[in-house]
Amino acid sequence: MITCDTSIHTCACQRENHDCKRVVLTGGPGAGKTAVLEIARKNFCEHISILPEAASIIFGGGFLRHETLPAKKAAQRAIFSVQKELERLVEEEKKSAIMLCDRGTLDGLAYWPDDEALYWKELGTTKADEFSRYAAVIHLRTPQLEQGYNHQNPVRIESAIQASEIDEKIAQAWSGHPRRFFVESNSEFLEKVAQTIALIKEELPECCKGHSIQELKNRT
């Protein structure tokens, strides 16, 4: 069963109910989202819900991954629907102050094989409406091959060049969001992690900002 991960760390805040704010962690294949989200899951308190990637749920569950136009469109409609339901689940539970989303509903545009207008028409929404869902968007840039791009994720099928192209399409999809932040790739992955965690912490309630990150404690 797919569930939203929450940390075992406790928080000084004793409120049982919260109005949940959505924060997106996005970027092309191999950008490091999985590592950052795992660090967040292990170190942040129970007020932060970590949502799994909808595409991984869909494709990891055996959704047909054909190269035809109908198959590509069907996949993106399915991913969009799962993403919305994951977010709705956390929102309606009212236990989390932040939901940290592994991608958001705009990411589908980077993979949509048809005209953008049809994306919004088929999904019954607008770009402005989807922008309004998310308080902040943190975009981790995909590394080049020499910076450590790899294929360790079993559902990742893109080459380094293809991953870079997708990264640019994702950047275009989120272009115009009023609170978008980029984290560039470099040879020191922990530096990228530290920058990303700092951006995430800025979105947390005051009671949750003091958590130390074990993986970053010994950095000089």
N, C-alpha and C. Protein backbone atom coordinates (compact mmCIF):
# COMPACT_ATOMS: atom_id res chain seq x y z
N MET A 1 0.84 -1.19 0.00
CA MET A 1 0.00 0.00 0.00
C MET A 1 0.88 1.24 0.00
N ILE A 2 0.59 2.22 -0.86
CA ILE A 2 1.34 3.46 -0.90
C ILE A 2 0.82 4.39 0.19
N THR A 3 1.73 4.88 1.03
CA THR A 3 1.36 5.84 2.05
C THR A 3 2.30 7.03 1.99
N CYS A 4 1.92 8.13 2.61
CA CYS A 4 2.79 9.31 2.68
C CYS A 4 3.73 9.14 3.85
N ASP A 5 5.03 9.25 3.60
CA ASP A 5 6.02 9.07 4.65
C ASP A 5 6.02 10.26 5.60
N THR A 6 6.14 9.99 6.89
CA THR A 6 6.34 11.04 7.88
C THR A 6 7.48 10.64 8.79
N SER A 7 8.18 11.64 9.30
CA SER A 7 9.35 11.40 10.13
C SER A 7 8.93 10.95 11.53
N ILE A 8 9.84 10.27 12.23
CA ILE A 8 9.59 9.88 13.61
C ILE A 8 9.98 11.01 14.56
N HIS A 9 10.62 12.07 14.07
CA HIS A 9 11.05 13.16 14.93
C HIS A 9 9.84 13.96 15.40
N THR A 10 9.89 14.39 16.66
CA THR A 10 8.78 15.13 17.23
C THR A 10 9.03 16.63 17.12
N CYS A 11 7.97 17.39 17.35
CA CYS A 11 8.03 18.84 17.24
C CYS A 11 7.42 19.45 18.49
N ALA A 12 7.87 20.65 18.84
CA ALA A 12 7.34 21.31 20.02
C ALA A 12 5.88 21.67 19.86
N CYS A 13 5.44 21.89 18.63
CA CYS A 13 4.05 22.23 18.37
C CYS A 13 3.15 21.03 18.66
N GLN A 14 2.10 21.26 19.43
CA GLN A 14 1.19 20.18 19.81
C GLN A 14 -0.15 20.25 19.08
N ARG A 15 -0.24 21.13 18.08
CA ARG A 15 -1.48 21.23 17.34
C ARG A 15 -1.77 19.93 16.60
N GLU A 16 -3.02 19.51 16.63
CA GLU A 16 -3.42 18.29 15.94
C GLU A 16 -3.82 18.55 14.49
N ASN A 17 -4.31 19.77 14.22
CA ASN A 17 -4.78 20.09 12.87
C ASN A 17 -4.00 21.26 12.29
N HIS A 18 -3.72 21.17 10.98
CA HIS A 18 -2.97 22.21 10.29
C HIS A 18 -3.61 22.47 8.92
N ASP A 19 -3.51 23.71 8.48
CA ASP A 19 -3.80 24.03 7.09
C ASP A 19 -2.52 23.75 6.30
N CYS A 20 -2.61 22.85 5.35
CA CYS A 20 -1.41 22.33 4.69
C CYS A 20 -0.98 23.18 3.50
N LYS A 21 0.32 23.46 3.43
CA LYS A 21 0.91 24.20 2.32
C LYS A 21 1.66 23.22 1.43
N ARG A 22 1.50 23.37 0.10
CA ARG A 22 2.17 22.48 -0.84
C ARG A 22 3.49 23.09 -1.32
N VAL A 23 4.54 22.29 -1.27
CA VAL A 23 5.85 22.68 -1.80
C VAL A 23 6.31 21.59 -2.75
N VAL A 24 6.69 21.99 -3.96
CA VAL A 24 7.10 21.03 -4.98
C VAL A 24 8.62 20.94 -5.05
N LEU A 25 9.11 19.71 -5.10
CA LEU A 25 10.51 19.46 -5.43
C LEU A 25 10.50 18.81 -6.80
N THR A 26 11.09 19.50 -7.78
CA THR A 26 11.04 19.00 -9.14
C THR A 26 12.43 19.03 -9.76
N GLY A 27 12.51 18.68 -11.03
CA GLY A 27 13.78 18.63 -11.76
C GLY A 27 13.80 17.44 -12.69
N GLY A 28 14.75 17.42 -13.59
CA GLY A 28 14.86 16.34 -14.55
C GLY A 28 15.35 15.04 -13.91
N PRO A 29 15.37 13.97 -14.68
CA PRO A 29 15.86 12.69 -14.16
C PRO A 29 17.27 12.81 -13.62
N GLY A 30 17.52 12.15 -12.49
CA GLY A 30 18.86 12.13 -11.92
C GLY A 30 19.25 13.39 -11.18
N ALA A 31 18.29 14.28 -10.91
CA ALA A 31 18.63 15.56 -10.28
C ALA A 31 18.95 15.45 -8.80
N GLY A 32 18.53 14.34 -8.17
CA GLY A 32 18.79 14.15 -6.75
C GLY A 32 17.58 14.31 -5.86
N LYS A 33 16.39 14.38 -6.45
CA LYS A 33 15.18 14.56 -5.66
C LYS A 33 14.99 13.44 -4.64
N THR A 34 15.20 12.21 -5.07
CA THR A 34 14.97 11.06 -4.18
C THR A 34 15.85 11.15 -2.95
N ALA A 35 17.12 11.50 -3.13
CA ALA A 35 18.05 11.60 -2.00
C ALA A 35 17.63 12.72 -1.05
N VAL A 36 17.25 13.87 -1.59
CA VAL A 36 16.83 14.99 -0.76
C VAL A 36 15.58 14.65 0.02
N LEU A 37 14.61 14.02 -0.63
CA LEU A 37 13.37 13.68 0.04
C LEU A 37 13.59 12.63 1.12
N GLU A 38 14.51 11.71 0.91
CA GLU A 38 14.82 10.71 1.93
C GLU A 38 15.46 11.39 3.14
N ILE A 39 16.34 12.34 2.92
CA ILE A 39 16.95 13.09 4.02
C ILE A 39 15.88 13.87 4.78
N ALA A 40 14.96 14.50 4.04
CA ALA A 40 13.87 15.22 4.69
C ALA A 40 13.00 14.28 5.51
N ARG A 41 12.70 13.13 4.96
CA ARG A 41 11.86 12.16 5.66
C ARG A 41 12.50 11.70 6.97
N LYS A 42 13.81 11.53 6.94
CA LYS A 42 14.53 11.02 8.11
C LYS A 42 14.75 12.09 9.18
N ASN A 43 14.75 13.36 8.80
CA ASN A 43 15.16 14.40 9.73
C ASN A 43 14.09 15.39 10.14
N PHE A 44 13.04 15.53 9.34
CA PHE A 44 11.99 16.49 9.69
C PHE A 44 10.93 15.82 10.56
N CYS A 45 10.09 16.66 11.17
CA CYS A 45 9.11 16.15 12.11
C CYS A 45 7.83 15.68 11.42
N GLU A 46 6.88 15.29 12.25
CA GLU A 46 5.64 14.70 11.73
C GLU A 46 4.74 15.69 11.02
N HIS A 47 5.07 16.98 11.09
CA HIS A 47 4.25 17.99 10.42
C HIS A 47 4.58 18.14 8.94
N ILE A 48 5.57 17.41 8.47
CA ILE A 48 5.95 17.46 7.06
C ILE A 48 5.67 16.09 6.43
N SER A 49 4.77 16.06 5.48
CA SER A 49 4.47 14.82 4.75
C SER A 49 5.26 14.80 3.45
N ILE A 50 5.89 13.67 3.17
CA ILE A 50 6.66 13.49 1.94
C ILE A 50 5.83 12.65 0.99
N LEU A 51 5.39 13.25 -0.11
CA LEU A 51 4.58 12.52 -1.07
C LEU A 51 5.45 11.78 -2.07
N PRO A 52 5.11 10.54 -2.40
CA PRO A 52 5.88 9.81 -3.41
C PRO A 52 5.60 10.35 -4.81
N GLU A 53 6.48 10.03 -5.74
CA GLU A 53 6.32 10.48 -7.12
C GLU A 53 5.20 9.69 -7.80
N ALA A 54 4.23 10.39 -8.33
CA ALA A 54 3.09 9.74 -8.97
C ALA A 54 3.52 8.89 -10.16
N ALA A 55 4.49 9.39 -10.94
CA ALA A 55 4.94 8.64 -12.12
C ALA A 55 5.55 7.30 -11.72
N SER A 56 6.29 7.27 -10.61
CA SER A 56 6.88 6.01 -10.16
C SER A 56 5.82 5.02 -9.72
N ILE A 57 4.75 5.54 -9.11
CA ILE A 57 3.64 4.67 -8.73
C ILE A 57 3.00 4.07 -9.97
N ILE A 58 2.77 4.92 -10.97
CA ILE A 58 2.11 4.47 -12.20
C ILE A 58 2.97 3.46 -12.95
N PHE A 59 4.20 3.84 -13.27
CA PHE A 59 5.04 2.96 -14.08
C PHE A 59 5.59 1.78 -13.29
N GLY A 60 5.86 2.00 -12.00
CA GLY A 60 6.31 0.88 -11.16
C GLY A 60 5.23 -0.15 -10.97
N GLY A 61 3.97 0.27 -11.12
CA GLY A 61 2.84 -0.64 -10.96
C GLY A 61 2.46 -1.36 -12.23
N GLY A 62 3.19 -1.11 -13.32
CA GLY A 62 2.95 -1.86 -14.55
C GLY A 62 2.13 -1.15 -15.61
N PHE A 63 1.90 0.16 -15.46
CA PHE A 63 1.16 0.89 -16.48
C PHE A 63 1.88 0.76 -17.82
N LEU A 64 1.13 0.50 -18.88
CA LEU A 64 1.73 0.26 -20.19
C LEU A 64 2.56 1.46 -20.64
N ARG A 65 3.82 1.22 -20.97
CA ARG A 65 4.72 2.30 -21.33
C ARG A 65 5.03 2.23 -22.83
N HIS A 66 3.99 2.39 -23.63
CA HIS A 66 4.15 2.34 -25.07
C HIS A 66 4.60 3.70 -25.61
N GLU A 67 5.12 3.69 -26.82
CA GLU A 67 5.61 4.93 -27.44
C GLU A 67 4.59 5.58 -28.35
N THR A 68 3.36 5.10 -28.33
CA THR A 68 2.31 5.69 -29.16
C THR A 68 1.75 6.95 -28.52
N LEU A 69 1.14 7.80 -29.33
CA LEU A 69 0.54 9.02 -28.82
C LEU A 69 -0.54 8.74 -27.78
N PRO A 70 -1.49 7.81 -28.05
CA PRO A 70 -2.52 7.53 -27.04
C PRO A 70 -1.93 7.04 -25.72
N ALA A 71 -0.87 6.22 -25.79
CA ALA A 71 -0.28 5.68 -24.56
C ALA A 71 0.39 6.78 -23.74
N LYS A 72 1.11 7.68 -24.41
CA LYS A 72 1.79 8.76 -23.70
C LYS A 72 0.79 9.71 -23.05
N LYS A 73 -0.30 9.99 -23.75
CA LYS A 73 -1.31 10.87 -23.19
C LYS A 73 -2.03 10.19 -22.03
N ALA A 74 -2.31 8.92 -22.17
CA ALA A 74 -2.98 8.18 -21.10
C ALA A 74 -2.12 8.16 -19.84
N ALA A 75 -0.82 7.97 -20.03
CA ALA A 75 0.09 7.93 -18.88
C ALA A 75 0.08 9.26 -18.13
N GLN A 76 0.12 10.37 -18.86
CA GLN A 76 0.15 11.67 -18.21
C GLN A 76 -1.18 12.00 -17.53
N ARG A 77 -2.29 11.55 -18.11
CA ARG A 77 -3.58 11.74 -17.43
C ARG A 77 -3.62 10.94 -16.13
N ALA A 78 -3.10 9.73 -16.17
CA ALA A 78 -3.08 8.88 -14.97
C ALA A 78 -2.18 9.48 -13.89
N ILE A 79 -1.01 9.97 -14.29
CA ILE A 79 -0.08 10.58 -13.34
C ILE A 79 -0.70 11.82 -12.69
N PHE A 80 -1.34 12.64 -13.51
CA PHE A 80 -2.00 13.85 -13.01
C PHE A 80 -3.05 13.49 -11.96
N SER A 81 -3.86 12.48 -12.26
CA SER A 81 -4.93 12.07 -11.35
C SER A 81 -4.36 11.56 -10.03
N VAL A 82 -3.34 10.72 -10.09
CA VAL A 82 -2.72 10.19 -8.87
C VAL A 82 -2.10 11.32 -8.05
N GLN A 83 -1.44 12.27 -8.73
CA GLN A 83 -0.84 13.40 -8.03
C GLN A 83 -1.90 14.19 -7.26
N LYS A 84 -3.00 14.46 -7.91
CA LYS A 84 -4.06 15.25 -7.27
C LYS A 84 -4.64 14.50 -6.06
N GLU A 85 -4.80 13.19 -6.18
CA GLU A 85 -5.38 12.43 -5.08
C GLU A 85 -4.41 12.30 -3.91
N LEU A 86 -3.11 12.17 -4.19
CA LEU A 86 -2.13 12.15 -3.11
C LEU A 86 -2.19 13.46 -2.32
N GLU A 87 -2.24 14.56 -3.04
CA GLU A 87 -2.29 15.86 -2.38
C GLU A 87 -3.60 16.03 -1.60
N ARG A 88 -4.68 15.57 -2.19
CA ARG A 88 -5.98 15.69 -1.51
C ARG A 88 -6.00 14.87 -0.22
N LEU A 89 -5.40 13.69 -0.27
CA LEU A 89 -5.34 12.83 0.92
C LEU A 89 -4.71 13.57 2.10
N VAL A 90 -3.53 14.15 1.86
CA VAL A 90 -2.81 14.84 2.93
C VAL A 90 -3.56 16.08 3.38
N GLU A 91 -4.12 16.82 2.42
CA GLU A 91 -4.85 18.04 2.75
C GLU A 91 -6.05 17.74 3.63
N GLU A 92 -6.80 16.70 3.30
CA GLU A 92 -8.02 16.41 4.03
C GLU A 92 -7.75 15.78 5.40
N GLU A 93 -6.60 15.13 5.56
CA GLU A 93 -6.24 14.59 6.88
C GLU A 93 -5.94 15.72 7.87
N LYS A 94 -5.44 16.87 7.36
CA LYS A 94 -5.16 18.06 8.18
C LYS A 94 -4.17 17.81 9.31
N LYS A 95 -3.26 16.86 9.11
CA LYS A 95 -2.24 16.59 10.13
C LYS A 95 -0.91 17.25 9.80
N SER A 96 -0.71 17.65 8.55
CA SER A 96 0.58 18.16 8.12
C SER A 96 0.50 19.65 7.82
N ALA A 97 1.53 20.38 8.23
CA ALA A 97 1.63 21.79 7.91
C ALA A 97 2.21 22.00 6.52
N ILE A 98 3.00 21.03 6.07
CA ILE A 98 3.64 21.08 4.75
C ILE A 98 3.51 19.73 4.09
N MET A 99 3.16 19.72 2.82
CA MET A 99 3.32 18.50 2.03
C MET A 99 4.41 18.79 1.01
N LEU A 100 5.46 17.99 1.07
CA LEU A 100 6.59 18.12 0.16
C LEU A 100 6.38 17.13 -0.97
N CYS A 101 6.09 17.66 -2.15
CA CYS A 101 5.67 16.84 -3.28
C CYS A 101 6.85 16.48 -4.19
N ASP A 102 7.00 15.22 -4.46
CA ASP A 102 7.97 14.76 -5.46
C ASP A 102 7.34 14.98 -6.83
N ARG A 103 7.58 16.14 -7.39
CA ARG A 103 6.96 16.67 -8.60
C ARG A 103 5.55 17.18 -8.31
N GLY A 104 5.04 18.01 -9.23
CA GLY A 104 3.71 18.54 -9.10
C GLY A 104 2.94 18.38 -10.40
N THR A 105 1.75 18.95 -10.46
CA THR A 105 0.89 18.72 -11.61
C THR A 105 1.40 19.37 -12.90
N LEU A 106 2.29 20.35 -12.78
CA LEU A 106 2.83 21.01 -13.98
C LEU A 106 3.92 20.17 -14.65
N ASP A 107 4.50 19.22 -13.94
CA ASP A 107 5.57 18.41 -14.52
C ASP A 107 5.11 17.62 -15.74
N GLY A 108 3.84 17.27 -15.77
CA GLY A 108 3.33 16.50 -16.89
C GLY A 108 3.48 17.19 -18.22
N LEU A 109 3.54 18.52 -18.20
CA LEU A 109 3.71 19.27 -19.45
C LEU A 109 5.02 18.90 -20.15
N ALA A 110 6.05 18.58 -19.38
CA ALA A 110 7.35 18.24 -19.96
C ALA A 110 7.30 16.93 -20.72
N TYR A 111 6.31 16.10 -20.42
CA TYR A 111 6.20 14.78 -21.04
C TYR A 111 4.98 14.68 -21.96
N TRP A 112 4.19 15.74 -22.01
CA TRP A 112 2.97 15.72 -22.81
C TRP A 112 3.32 15.73 -24.29
N PRO A 113 2.80 14.79 -25.10
CA PRO A 113 3.23 14.66 -26.49
C PRO A 113 2.41 15.46 -27.49
N ASP A 114 1.54 16.33 -26.99
CA ASP A 114 0.64 17.06 -27.88
C ASP A 114 0.65 18.55 -27.51
N ASP A 115 -0.23 19.32 -28.11
CA ASP A 115 -0.31 20.75 -27.86
C ASP A 115 -0.66 21.03 -26.40
N GLU A 116 -0.05 22.07 -25.82
CA GLU A 116 -0.28 22.38 -24.40
C GLU A 116 -1.74 22.67 -24.11
N ALA A 117 -2.42 23.33 -25.03
CA ALA A 117 -3.83 23.65 -24.81
C ALA A 117 -4.66 22.39 -24.57
N LEU A 118 -4.30 21.31 -25.26
CA LEU A 118 -5.01 20.05 -25.08
C LEU A 118 -4.73 19.44 -23.71
N TYR A 119 -3.55 19.69 -23.16
CA TYR A 119 -3.23 19.20 -21.81
C TYR A 119 -4.23 19.75 -20.81
N TRP A 120 -4.42 21.06 -20.86
CA TRP A 120 -5.34 21.68 -19.91
C TRP A 120 -6.78 21.29 -20.20
N LYS A 121 -7.13 21.16 -21.48
CA LYS A 121 -8.50 20.80 -21.83
C LYS A 121 -8.82 19.39 -21.36
N GLU A 122 -7.92 18.45 -21.61
CA GLU A 122 -8.18 17.06 -21.24
C GLU A 122 -8.19 16.86 -19.73
N LEU A 123 -7.43 17.69 -19.01
CA LEU A 123 -7.36 17.54 -17.56
C LEU A 123 -8.39 18.42 -16.84
N GLY A 124 -9.05 19.29 -17.57
CA GLY A 124 -10.11 20.11 -16.99
C GLY A 124 -9.63 21.15 -16.01
N THR A 125 -8.49 21.76 -16.32
CA THR A 125 -7.94 22.78 -15.43
C THR A 125 -7.18 23.81 -16.26
N THR A 126 -6.51 24.74 -15.59
CA THR A 126 -5.71 25.75 -16.28
C THR A 126 -4.34 25.85 -15.62
N LYS A 127 -3.41 26.45 -16.33
CA LYS A 127 -2.07 26.64 -15.76
C LYS A 127 -2.14 27.53 -14.53
N ALA A 128 -2.93 28.57 -14.59
CA ALA A 128 -3.06 29.48 -13.44
C ALA A 128 -3.61 28.76 -12.22
N ASP A 129 -4.61 27.91 -12.42
CA ASP A 129 -5.18 27.16 -11.30
C ASP A 129 -4.15 26.22 -10.69
N GLU A 130 -3.35 25.58 -11.53
CA GLU A 130 -2.35 24.64 -11.01
C GLU A 130 -1.21 25.39 -10.31
N PHE A 131 -0.81 26.53 -10.84
CA PHE A 131 0.18 27.36 -10.16
C PHE A 131 -0.28 27.71 -8.75
N SER A 132 -1.55 28.05 -8.63
CA SER A 132 -2.08 28.52 -7.34
C SER A 132 -2.08 27.44 -6.27
N ARG A 133 -1.93 26.20 -6.67
CA ARG A 133 -1.92 25.09 -5.71
C ARG A 133 -0.64 25.08 -4.87
N TYR A 134 0.45 25.59 -5.43
CA TYR A 134 1.76 25.38 -4.83
C TYR A 134 2.36 26.68 -4.30
N ALA A 135 2.77 26.66 -3.04
CA ALA A 135 3.35 27.84 -2.40
C ALA A 135 4.76 28.11 -2.89
N ALA A 136 5.48 27.07 -3.25
CA ALA A 136 6.86 27.23 -3.72
C ALA A 136 7.23 26.04 -4.60
N VAL A 137 8.14 26.29 -5.53
CA VAL A 137 8.64 25.25 -6.43
C VAL A 137 10.16 25.28 -6.38
N ILE A 138 10.76 24.17 -5.98
CA ILE A 138 12.22 24.06 -5.90
C ILE A 138 12.68 23.11 -7.00
N HIS A 139 13.44 23.65 -7.93
CA HIS A 139 13.86 22.89 -9.12
C HIS A 139 15.33 22.51 -8.99
N LEU A 140 15.59 21.22 -8.83
CA LEU A 140 16.95 20.69 -8.84
C LEU A 140 17.35 20.41 -10.28
N ARG A 141 18.43 21.03 -10.73
CA ARG A 141 18.85 20.84 -12.11
C ARG A 141 19.51 19.48 -12.29
N THR A 142 19.23 18.85 -13.44
CA THR A 142 19.82 17.56 -13.77
C THR A 142 21.31 17.71 -14.04
N PRO A 143 22.15 16.86 -13.45
CA PRO A 143 23.59 16.96 -13.71
C PRO A 143 23.95 16.43 -15.09
N GLN A 144 25.03 16.95 -15.63
CA GLN A 144 25.58 16.40 -16.85
C GLN A 144 26.26 15.07 -16.52
N LEU A 145 26.64 14.32 -17.53
CA LEU A 145 27.24 13.00 -17.32
C LEU A 145 28.48 13.09 -16.45
N GLU A 146 29.30 14.12 -16.68
CA GLU A 146 30.53 14.26 -15.91
C GLU A 146 30.28 14.69 -14.47
N GLN A 147 29.05 15.14 -14.17
CA GLN A 147 28.70 15.54 -12.82
C GLN A 147 28.03 14.43 -12.03
N GLY A 148 27.87 13.28 -12.66
CA GLY A 148 27.37 12.14 -11.90
C GLY A 148 26.00 11.63 -12.28
N TYR A 149 25.49 11.95 -13.47
CA TYR A 149 24.20 11.41 -13.88
C TYR A 149 24.27 9.89 -13.93
N ASN A 150 23.24 9.22 -13.43
CA ASN A 150 23.26 7.75 -13.40
C ASN A 150 21.88 7.18 -13.68
N HIS A 151 21.79 5.86 -13.77
CA HIS A 151 20.54 5.16 -14.06
C HIS A 151 20.13 4.25 -12.90
N GLN A 152 20.41 4.63 -11.67
CA GLN A 152 20.12 3.76 -10.53
C GLN A 152 18.62 3.58 -10.29
N ASN A 153 17.82 4.58 -10.65
CA ASN A 153 16.38 4.46 -10.52
C ASN A 153 15.86 3.49 -11.59
N PRO A 154 15.20 2.39 -11.20
CA PRO A 154 14.78 1.37 -12.18
C PRO A 154 13.75 1.85 -13.19
N VAL A 155 13.01 2.94 -12.90
CA VAL A 155 12.03 3.44 -13.87
C VAL A 155 12.61 4.57 -14.70
N ARG A 156 13.90 4.88 -14.53
CA ARG A 156 14.55 5.93 -15.31
C ARG A 156 15.11 5.31 -16.59
N ILE A 157 14.66 5.79 -17.72
CA ILE A 157 15.07 5.20 -19.00
C ILE A 157 15.83 6.19 -19.87
N GLU A 158 16.01 7.43 -19.39
CA GLU A 158 16.59 8.47 -20.22
C GLU A 158 18.12 8.46 -20.16
N SER A 159 18.74 8.82 -21.29
CA SER A 159 20.17 9.05 -21.31
C SER A 159 20.45 10.41 -20.66
N ALA A 160 21.75 10.73 -20.46
CA ALA A 160 22.11 12.02 -19.86
C ALA A 160 21.61 13.18 -20.73
N ILE A 161 21.74 13.03 -22.04
CA ILE A 161 21.29 14.09 -22.96
C ILE A 161 19.77 14.23 -22.90
N GLN A 162 19.06 13.11 -22.92
CA GLN A 162 17.60 13.16 -22.84
C GLN A 162 17.15 13.74 -21.51
N ALA A 163 17.84 13.38 -20.43
CA ALA A 163 17.50 13.91 -19.11
C ALA A 163 17.65 15.42 -19.06
N SER A 164 18.72 15.93 -19.68
CA SER A 164 18.95 17.37 -19.73
C SER A 164 17.85 18.07 -20.52
N GLU A 165 17.42 17.47 -21.60
CA GLU A 165 16.34 18.04 -22.40
C GLU A 165 15.03 18.08 -21.61
N ILE A 166 14.76 17.02 -20.85
CA ILE A 166 13.55 16.98 -20.03
C ILE A 166 13.62 18.04 -18.93
N ASP A 167 14.81 18.19 -18.36
CA ASP A 167 15.01 19.21 -17.33
C ASP A 167 14.63 20.59 -17.84
N GLU A 168 15.02 20.90 -19.07
CA GLU A 168 14.68 22.18 -19.66
C GLU A 168 13.18 22.31 -19.90
N LYS A 169 12.55 21.22 -20.32
CA LYS A 169 11.11 21.25 -20.54
C LYS A 169 10.36 21.46 -19.23
N ILE A 170 10.86 20.86 -18.16
CA ILE A 170 10.24 21.06 -16.84
C ILE A 170 10.38 22.52 -16.42
N ALA A 171 11.56 23.09 -16.68
CA ALA A 171 11.78 24.50 -16.36
C ALA A 171 10.79 25.38 -17.11
N GLN A 172 10.54 25.04 -18.37
CA GLN A 172 9.58 25.80 -19.16
C GLN A 172 8.16 25.63 -18.62
N ALA A 173 7.84 24.40 -18.20
CA ALA A 173 6.49 24.13 -17.69
C ALA A 173 6.17 24.97 -16.46
N TRP A 174 7.16 25.15 -15.58
CA TRP A 174 6.94 25.89 -14.35
C TRP A 174 7.25 27.38 -14.51
N SER A 175 7.67 27.78 -15.71
CA SER A 175 8.00 29.19 -15.93
C SER A 175 6.79 30.08 -15.66
N GLY A 176 7.00 31.10 -14.86
CA GLY A 176 5.91 31.99 -14.50
C GLY A 176 5.41 31.81 -13.09
N HIS A 177 5.80 30.70 -12.44
CA HIS A 177 5.39 30.55 -11.04
C HIS A 177 6.08 31.62 -10.20
N PRO A 178 5.33 32.30 -9.34
CA PRO A 178 5.90 33.46 -8.63
C PRO A 178 6.98 33.12 -7.61
N ARG A 179 7.06 31.86 -7.18
CA ARG A 179 8.06 31.51 -6.17
C ARG A 179 8.76 30.21 -6.59
N ARG A 180 9.61 30.36 -7.60
CA ARG A 180 10.37 29.22 -8.12
C ARG A 180 11.85 29.45 -7.83
N PHE A 181 12.51 28.38 -7.36
CA PHE A 181 13.92 28.46 -7.00
C PHE A 181 14.69 27.35 -7.71
N PHE A 182 15.85 27.69 -8.25
CA PHE A 182 16.70 26.71 -8.91
C PHE A 182 17.87 26.34 -8.02
N VAL A 183 18.23 25.05 -8.01
CA VAL A 183 19.44 24.57 -7.34
C VAL A 183 20.28 23.88 -8.40
N GLU A 184 21.41 24.48 -8.72
CA GLU A 184 22.25 23.97 -9.79
C GLU A 184 23.06 22.76 -9.34
N SER A 185 23.45 21.92 -10.30
CA SER A 185 24.30 20.77 -10.01
C SER A 185 25.76 21.20 -10.01
N ASN A 186 26.54 20.57 -9.14
CA ASN A 186 27.98 20.76 -9.14
C ASN A 186 28.64 19.46 -8.70
N SER A 187 29.93 19.48 -8.55
CA SER A 187 30.66 18.25 -8.23
C SER A 187 30.44 17.80 -6.79
N GLU A 188 29.96 18.69 -5.93
CA GLU A 188 29.72 18.36 -4.53
C GLU A 188 28.21 18.20 -4.29
N PHE A 189 27.76 16.95 -4.28
CA PHE A 189 26.33 16.71 -4.16
C PHE A 189 25.79 17.19 -2.82
N LEU A 190 26.58 17.08 -1.74
CA LEU A 190 26.10 17.52 -0.44
C LEU A 190 25.85 19.02 -0.41
N GLU A 191 26.58 19.77 -1.22
CA GLU A 191 26.32 21.21 -1.32
C GLU A 191 24.95 21.44 -1.95
N LYS A 192 24.63 20.65 -2.95
CA LYS A 192 23.32 20.75 -3.58
C LYS A 192 22.22 20.39 -2.58
N VAL A 193 22.47 19.34 -1.80
CA VAL A 193 21.52 18.93 -0.77
C VAL A 193 21.32 20.05 0.25
N ALA A 194 22.42 20.64 0.70
CA ALA A 194 22.35 21.69 1.72
C ALA A 194 21.55 22.89 1.22
N GLN A 195 21.76 23.28 -0.03
CA GLN A 195 21.02 24.41 -0.59
C GLN A 195 19.53 24.08 -0.67
N THR A 196 19.23 22.86 -1.06
CA THR A 196 17.82 22.46 -1.20
C THR A 196 17.13 22.39 0.16
N ILE A 197 17.78 21.80 1.14
CA ILE A 197 17.21 21.70 2.49
C ILE A 197 16.97 23.10 3.06
N ALA A 198 17.89 24.02 2.80
CA ALA A 198 17.73 25.39 3.29
C ALA A 198 16.47 26.04 2.68
N LEU A 199 16.23 25.79 1.40
CA LEU A 199 15.04 26.33 0.75
C LEU A 199 13.77 25.70 1.32
N ILE A 200 13.83 24.40 1.57
CA ILE A 200 12.67 23.72 2.16
C ILE A 200 12.38 24.28 3.55
N LYS A 201 13.43 24.48 4.35
CA LYS A 201 13.24 24.98 5.71
C LYS A 201 12.57 26.35 5.73
N GLU A 202 12.83 27.16 4.70
CA GLU A 202 12.21 28.47 4.64
C GLU A 202 10.69 28.38 4.55
N GLU A 203 10.19 27.26 4.06
CA GLU A 203 8.75 27.08 3.90
C GLU A 203 8.09 26.45 5.12
N LEU A 204 8.89 25.97 6.07
CA LEU A 204 8.34 25.28 7.24
C LEU A 204 7.79 26.26 8.26
N PRO A 205 6.84 25.83 9.08
CA PRO A 205 6.39 26.66 10.21
C PRO A 205 7.57 26.90 11.15
N GLU A 206 7.51 27.97 11.92
CA GLU A 206 8.61 28.32 12.81
C GLU A 206 8.95 27.17 13.76
N CYS A 207 7.94 26.45 14.22
CA CYS A 207 8.18 25.37 15.18
C CYS A 207 8.96 24.20 14.57
N CYS A 208 9.02 24.16 13.24
CA CYS A 208 9.67 23.02 12.57
C CYS A 208 11.03 23.37 11.97
N LYS A 209 11.44 24.62 12.06
CA LYS A 209 12.66 25.04 11.37
C LYS A 209 13.95 24.66 12.08
N GLY A 210 13.85 24.26 13.34
CA GLY A 210 15.07 24.02 14.11
C GLY A 210 15.67 22.64 13.99
N HIS A 211 15.06 21.76 13.20
CA HIS A 211 15.59 20.41 13.10
C HIS A 211 16.97 20.40 12.45
N SER A 212 17.91 19.72 13.08
CA SER A 212 19.24 19.57 12.48
C SER A 212 19.22 18.41 11.49
N ILE A 213 20.05 18.51 10.47
CA ILE A 213 20.12 17.49 9.43
C ILE A 213 21.37 16.66 9.64
N GLN A 214 21.20 15.42 10.08
CA GLN A 214 22.32 14.58 10.44
C GLN A 214 23.35 14.45 9.33
N GLU A 215 22.87 14.30 8.09
CA GLU A 215 23.77 14.09 6.95
C GLU A 215 24.64 15.30 6.66
N LEU A 216 24.25 16.48 7.15
CA LEU A 216 24.98 17.71 6.87
C LEU A 216 25.75 18.23 8.08
N LYS A 217 25.69 17.54 9.20
CA LYS A 217 26.29 18.04 10.43
C LYS A 217 27.80 18.20 10.33
N ASN A 218 28.45 17.27 9.65
CA ASN A 218 29.92 17.26 9.62
C ASN A 218 30.51 18.03 8.44
N ARG A 219 29.66 18.76 7.71
CA ARG A 219 30.19 19.54 6.59
C ARG A 219 30.97 20.72 7.11
N THR A 220 32.06 21.05 6.43
CA THR A 220 32.88 22.19 6.82
C THR A 220 32.72 23.33 5.84
